[in-house]
N, C-alpha and C. Protein backbone atom coordinates (compact mmCIF):
# COMPACT_ATOMS: atom_id res chain seq x y z
N MET A 1 -121.82 -8.81 43.07
CA MET A 1 -121.59 -8.24 44.36
C MET A 1 -120.30 -8.76 44.96
N ASP A 2 -119.27 -8.79 44.21
CA ASP A 2 -118.00 -9.29 44.70
C ASP A 2 -117.51 -8.51 45.91
N VAL A 3 -117.95 -7.27 46.04
CA VAL A 3 -117.50 -6.46 47.18
C VAL A 3 -117.92 -7.10 48.49
N LEU A 4 -118.96 -7.94 48.49
CA LEU A 4 -119.44 -8.53 49.72
C LEU A 4 -118.80 -9.86 50.03
N ALA A 5 -118.03 -10.40 49.09
CA ALA A 5 -117.41 -11.70 49.34
C ALA A 5 -116.42 -11.57 50.49
N HIS A 6 -116.46 -12.50 51.39
CA HIS A 6 -115.54 -12.49 52.53
C HIS A 6 -115.03 -13.91 52.68
N PRO A 7 -113.73 -14.12 52.61
CA PRO A 7 -113.19 -15.48 52.58
C PRO A 7 -113.52 -16.32 53.79
N SER A 8 -113.75 -15.71 54.94
CA SER A 8 -114.02 -16.51 56.13
C SER A 8 -115.50 -16.55 56.48
N ALA A 9 -116.35 -16.11 55.58
CA ALA A 9 -117.79 -16.08 55.85
C ALA A 9 -118.42 -17.42 55.53
N ALA A 10 -118.14 -18.40 56.37
CA ALA A 10 -118.72 -19.72 56.18
C ALA A 10 -120.09 -19.74 56.85
N GLY A 11 -120.93 -20.61 56.39
CA GLY A 11 -122.23 -20.75 57.01
C GLY A 11 -123.08 -21.69 56.22
N ALA A 12 -124.15 -22.10 56.84
CA ALA A 12 -125.09 -22.98 56.17
C ALA A 12 -125.70 -22.25 54.98
N PRO A 13 -125.98 -22.97 53.92
CA PRO A 13 -126.63 -22.32 52.76
C PRO A 13 -127.95 -21.70 53.17
N LEU A 14 -128.28 -20.61 52.53
CA LEU A 14 -129.56 -19.96 52.78
C LEU A 14 -130.67 -20.80 52.16
N GLU A 15 -131.81 -20.84 52.81
CA GLU A 15 -132.96 -21.60 52.34
C GLU A 15 -133.95 -20.68 51.64
N MET A 16 -134.84 -21.26 50.85
CA MET A 16 -135.87 -20.45 50.19
C MET A 16 -136.78 -19.75 51.20
N THR A 17 -136.86 -20.28 52.40
CA THR A 17 -137.72 -19.69 53.43
C THR A 17 -137.04 -18.56 54.19
N ASP A 18 -135.72 -18.35 53.98
CA ASP A 18 -135.02 -17.24 54.62
C ASP A 18 -135.42 -15.95 53.92
N ARG A 19 -135.79 -14.94 54.69
CA ARG A 19 -136.32 -13.70 54.15
C ARG A 19 -135.51 -12.49 54.58
N CYS A 20 -135.46 -11.51 53.70
CA CYS A 20 -134.75 -10.25 53.95
C CYS A 20 -135.36 -9.56 55.16
N ASP A 21 -134.50 -9.11 56.07
CA ASP A 21 -134.97 -8.40 57.26
C ASP A 21 -135.51 -7.01 56.94
N ARG A 22 -135.24 -6.49 55.76
CA ARG A 22 -135.73 -5.16 55.38
C ARG A 22 -137.05 -5.21 54.63
N CYS A 23 -137.20 -6.16 53.68
CA CYS A 23 -138.37 -6.11 52.81
C CYS A 23 -139.15 -7.41 52.71
N GLY A 24 -138.63 -8.49 53.23
CA GLY A 24 -139.34 -9.76 53.20
C GLY A 24 -139.12 -10.59 51.94
N SER A 25 -138.31 -10.10 51.00
CA SER A 25 -137.99 -10.90 49.81
C SER A 25 -137.05 -12.03 50.20
N ARG A 26 -136.83 -12.96 49.28
CA ARG A 26 -135.93 -14.07 49.55
C ARG A 26 -134.53 -13.54 49.86
N ALA A 27 -133.91 -14.08 50.89
CA ALA A 27 -132.57 -13.65 51.31
C ALA A 27 -131.50 -14.36 50.51
N TYR A 28 -130.51 -13.61 50.07
CA TYR A 28 -129.35 -14.15 49.36
C TYR A 28 -128.05 -13.79 50.07
N LEU A 29 -128.12 -13.05 51.16
CA LEU A 29 -126.94 -12.68 51.93
C LEU A 29 -127.24 -12.84 53.42
N ARG A 30 -126.24 -13.38 54.15
CA ARG A 30 -126.32 -13.43 55.60
C ARG A 30 -125.13 -12.67 56.14
N ALA A 31 -125.39 -11.66 56.93
CA ALA A 31 -124.33 -10.90 57.59
C ALA A 31 -124.30 -11.31 59.05
N THR A 32 -123.18 -11.86 59.49
CA THR A 32 -123.02 -12.23 60.89
C THR A 32 -122.21 -11.13 61.56
N LEU A 33 -122.85 -10.43 62.47
CA LEU A 33 -122.23 -9.32 63.17
C LEU A 33 -121.21 -9.84 64.20
N PRO A 34 -120.27 -9.00 64.62
CA PRO A 34 -119.31 -9.42 65.63
C PRO A 34 -119.98 -9.95 66.90
N SER A 35 -121.19 -9.50 67.19
CA SER A 35 -121.93 -9.96 68.38
C SER A 35 -122.47 -11.37 68.20
N GLY A 36 -122.44 -11.88 66.95
CA GLY A 36 -122.97 -13.20 66.65
C GLY A 36 -124.36 -13.18 66.06
N GLN A 37 -125.01 -12.04 66.05
CA GLN A 37 -126.35 -11.91 65.48
C GLN A 37 -126.29 -11.95 63.96
N ASP A 38 -127.23 -12.66 63.34
CA ASP A 38 -127.32 -12.72 61.88
C ASP A 38 -128.37 -11.76 61.37
N LEU A 39 -128.05 -11.10 60.26
CA LEU A 39 -129.01 -10.29 59.52
C LEU A 39 -129.10 -10.89 58.12
N LEU A 40 -130.31 -10.97 57.58
CA LEU A 40 -130.53 -11.53 56.25
C LEU A 40 -130.97 -10.42 55.32
N PHE A 41 -130.47 -10.48 54.06
CA PHE A 41 -130.80 -9.45 53.09
C PHE A 41 -131.04 -10.05 51.71
N CYS A 42 -131.94 -9.44 50.96
CA CYS A 42 -132.11 -9.76 49.54
C CYS A 42 -130.90 -9.17 48.81
N GLY A 43 -130.79 -9.41 47.53
CA GLY A 43 -129.67 -8.87 46.76
C GLY A 43 -129.63 -7.35 46.78
N HIS A 44 -130.78 -6.72 46.66
CA HIS A 44 -130.86 -5.25 46.64
C HIS A 44 -130.38 -4.66 47.96
N HIS A 45 -130.95 -5.10 49.07
CA HIS A 45 -130.58 -4.54 50.36
C HIS A 45 -129.19 -4.99 50.81
N GLY A 46 -128.77 -6.17 50.37
CA GLY A 46 -127.41 -6.60 50.66
C GLY A 46 -126.39 -5.70 49.99
N GLY A 47 -126.69 -5.31 48.75
CA GLY A 47 -125.81 -4.38 48.04
C GLY A 47 -125.78 -3.01 48.68
N ALA A 48 -126.92 -2.60 49.24
CA ALA A 48 -126.99 -1.29 49.88
C ALA A 48 -126.28 -1.26 51.23
N HIS A 49 -126.38 -2.35 52.00
CA HIS A 49 -125.86 -2.35 53.36
C HIS A 49 -124.58 -3.16 53.53
N GLY A 50 -124.27 -4.02 52.58
CA GLY A 50 -123.12 -4.92 52.71
C GLY A 50 -121.79 -4.24 52.95
N PRO A 51 -121.43 -3.22 52.18
CA PRO A 51 -120.13 -2.57 52.42
C PRO A 51 -119.99 -2.00 53.83
N ALA A 52 -121.04 -1.41 54.36
CA ALA A 52 -120.98 -0.86 55.72
C ALA A 52 -120.89 -1.98 56.75
N LEU A 53 -121.58 -3.09 56.49
CA LEU A 53 -121.50 -4.23 57.42
C LEU A 53 -120.10 -4.82 57.45
N LEU A 54 -119.48 -4.94 56.27
CA LEU A 54 -118.09 -5.44 56.22
C LEU A 54 -117.15 -4.50 56.96
N ALA A 55 -117.35 -3.21 56.77
CA ALA A 55 -116.51 -2.23 57.45
C ALA A 55 -116.67 -2.31 58.96
N ALA A 56 -117.86 -2.75 59.41
CA ALA A 56 -118.12 -2.88 60.84
C ALA A 56 -117.66 -4.22 61.40
N GLY A 57 -117.06 -5.06 60.54
CA GLY A 57 -116.52 -6.32 61.00
C GLY A 57 -117.42 -7.53 60.83
N ALA A 58 -118.53 -7.37 60.10
CA ALA A 58 -119.43 -8.49 59.87
C ALA A 58 -118.82 -9.47 58.87
N LEU A 59 -119.16 -10.73 59.02
CA LEU A 59 -118.82 -11.75 58.02
C LEU A 59 -120.04 -11.89 57.12
N VAL A 60 -119.84 -11.84 55.81
CA VAL A 60 -120.96 -11.86 54.88
C VAL A 60 -120.92 -13.12 54.03
N HIS A 61 -121.96 -13.91 54.13
CA HIS A 61 -122.15 -15.11 53.30
C HIS A 61 -123.01 -14.67 52.12
N ASP A 62 -122.44 -14.70 50.92
CA ASP A 62 -123.05 -14.11 49.73
C ASP A 62 -123.46 -15.20 48.74
N GLU A 63 -124.74 -15.32 48.48
CA GLU A 63 -125.25 -16.27 47.49
C GLU A 63 -125.93 -15.55 46.32
N THR A 64 -125.58 -14.28 46.09
CA THR A 64 -126.22 -13.53 45.02
C THR A 64 -125.88 -14.05 43.63
N ALA A 65 -124.84 -14.86 43.50
CA ALA A 65 -124.52 -15.44 42.19
C ALA A 65 -125.68 -16.30 41.68
N ALA A 66 -126.48 -16.82 42.58
CA ALA A 66 -127.64 -17.62 42.19
C ALA A 66 -128.68 -16.79 41.43
N LEU A 67 -128.63 -15.48 41.59
CA LEU A 67 -129.58 -14.62 40.89
C LEU A 67 -129.30 -14.55 39.40
N THR A 68 -128.06 -14.76 39.00
CA THR A 68 -127.70 -14.65 37.59
C THR A 68 -127.28 -15.99 36.98
N ALA A 69 -127.26 -17.05 37.78
CA ALA A 69 -126.87 -18.36 37.27
C ALA A 69 -127.93 -18.90 36.32
N PRO A 70 -127.51 -19.51 35.21
CA PRO A 70 -128.50 -20.07 34.30
C PRO A 70 -129.25 -21.23 34.97
N ARG A 71 -130.53 -21.30 34.72
CA ARG A 71 -131.36 -22.36 35.30
C ARG A 71 -131.26 -23.59 34.45
N GLU A 72 -131.32 -24.76 35.11
CA GLU A 72 -131.31 -26.02 34.40
C GLU A 72 -132.69 -26.25 33.80
N SER A 73 -132.73 -26.71 32.60
CA SER A 73 -134.00 -26.98 31.94
C SER A 73 -134.46 -28.39 32.32
N SER A 74 -135.74 -28.52 32.62
CA SER A 74 -136.29 -29.83 32.96
C SER A 74 -136.86 -30.51 31.72
N ALA A 75 -136.87 -29.81 30.59
CA ALA A 75 -137.39 -30.40 29.35
C ALA A 75 -136.38 -31.40 28.79
N ALA A 76 -136.88 -32.50 28.32
CA ALA A 76 -136.03 -33.52 27.69
C ALA A 76 -135.61 -33.04 26.31
N ALA A 77 -134.36 -33.28 25.95
CA ALA A 77 -133.84 -32.81 24.66
C ALA A 77 -134.21 -33.76 23.55
């Protein structure tokens, strides 16, 4: 979702308890509107609404890379 990356979209990391405002799934994107209000989205809804939010001037904090990042194994080698 590189289209949602915004260089000035700083913010606290999203927590596992942050939920998508559309469907309740875990949030991986935070869109901060020009009014200061935050909207949270899962990867699916972030992809659907992100381009329009950017066009409206929102800052988007994108953590969707975590969806495809390899997980660390806890098994001893």
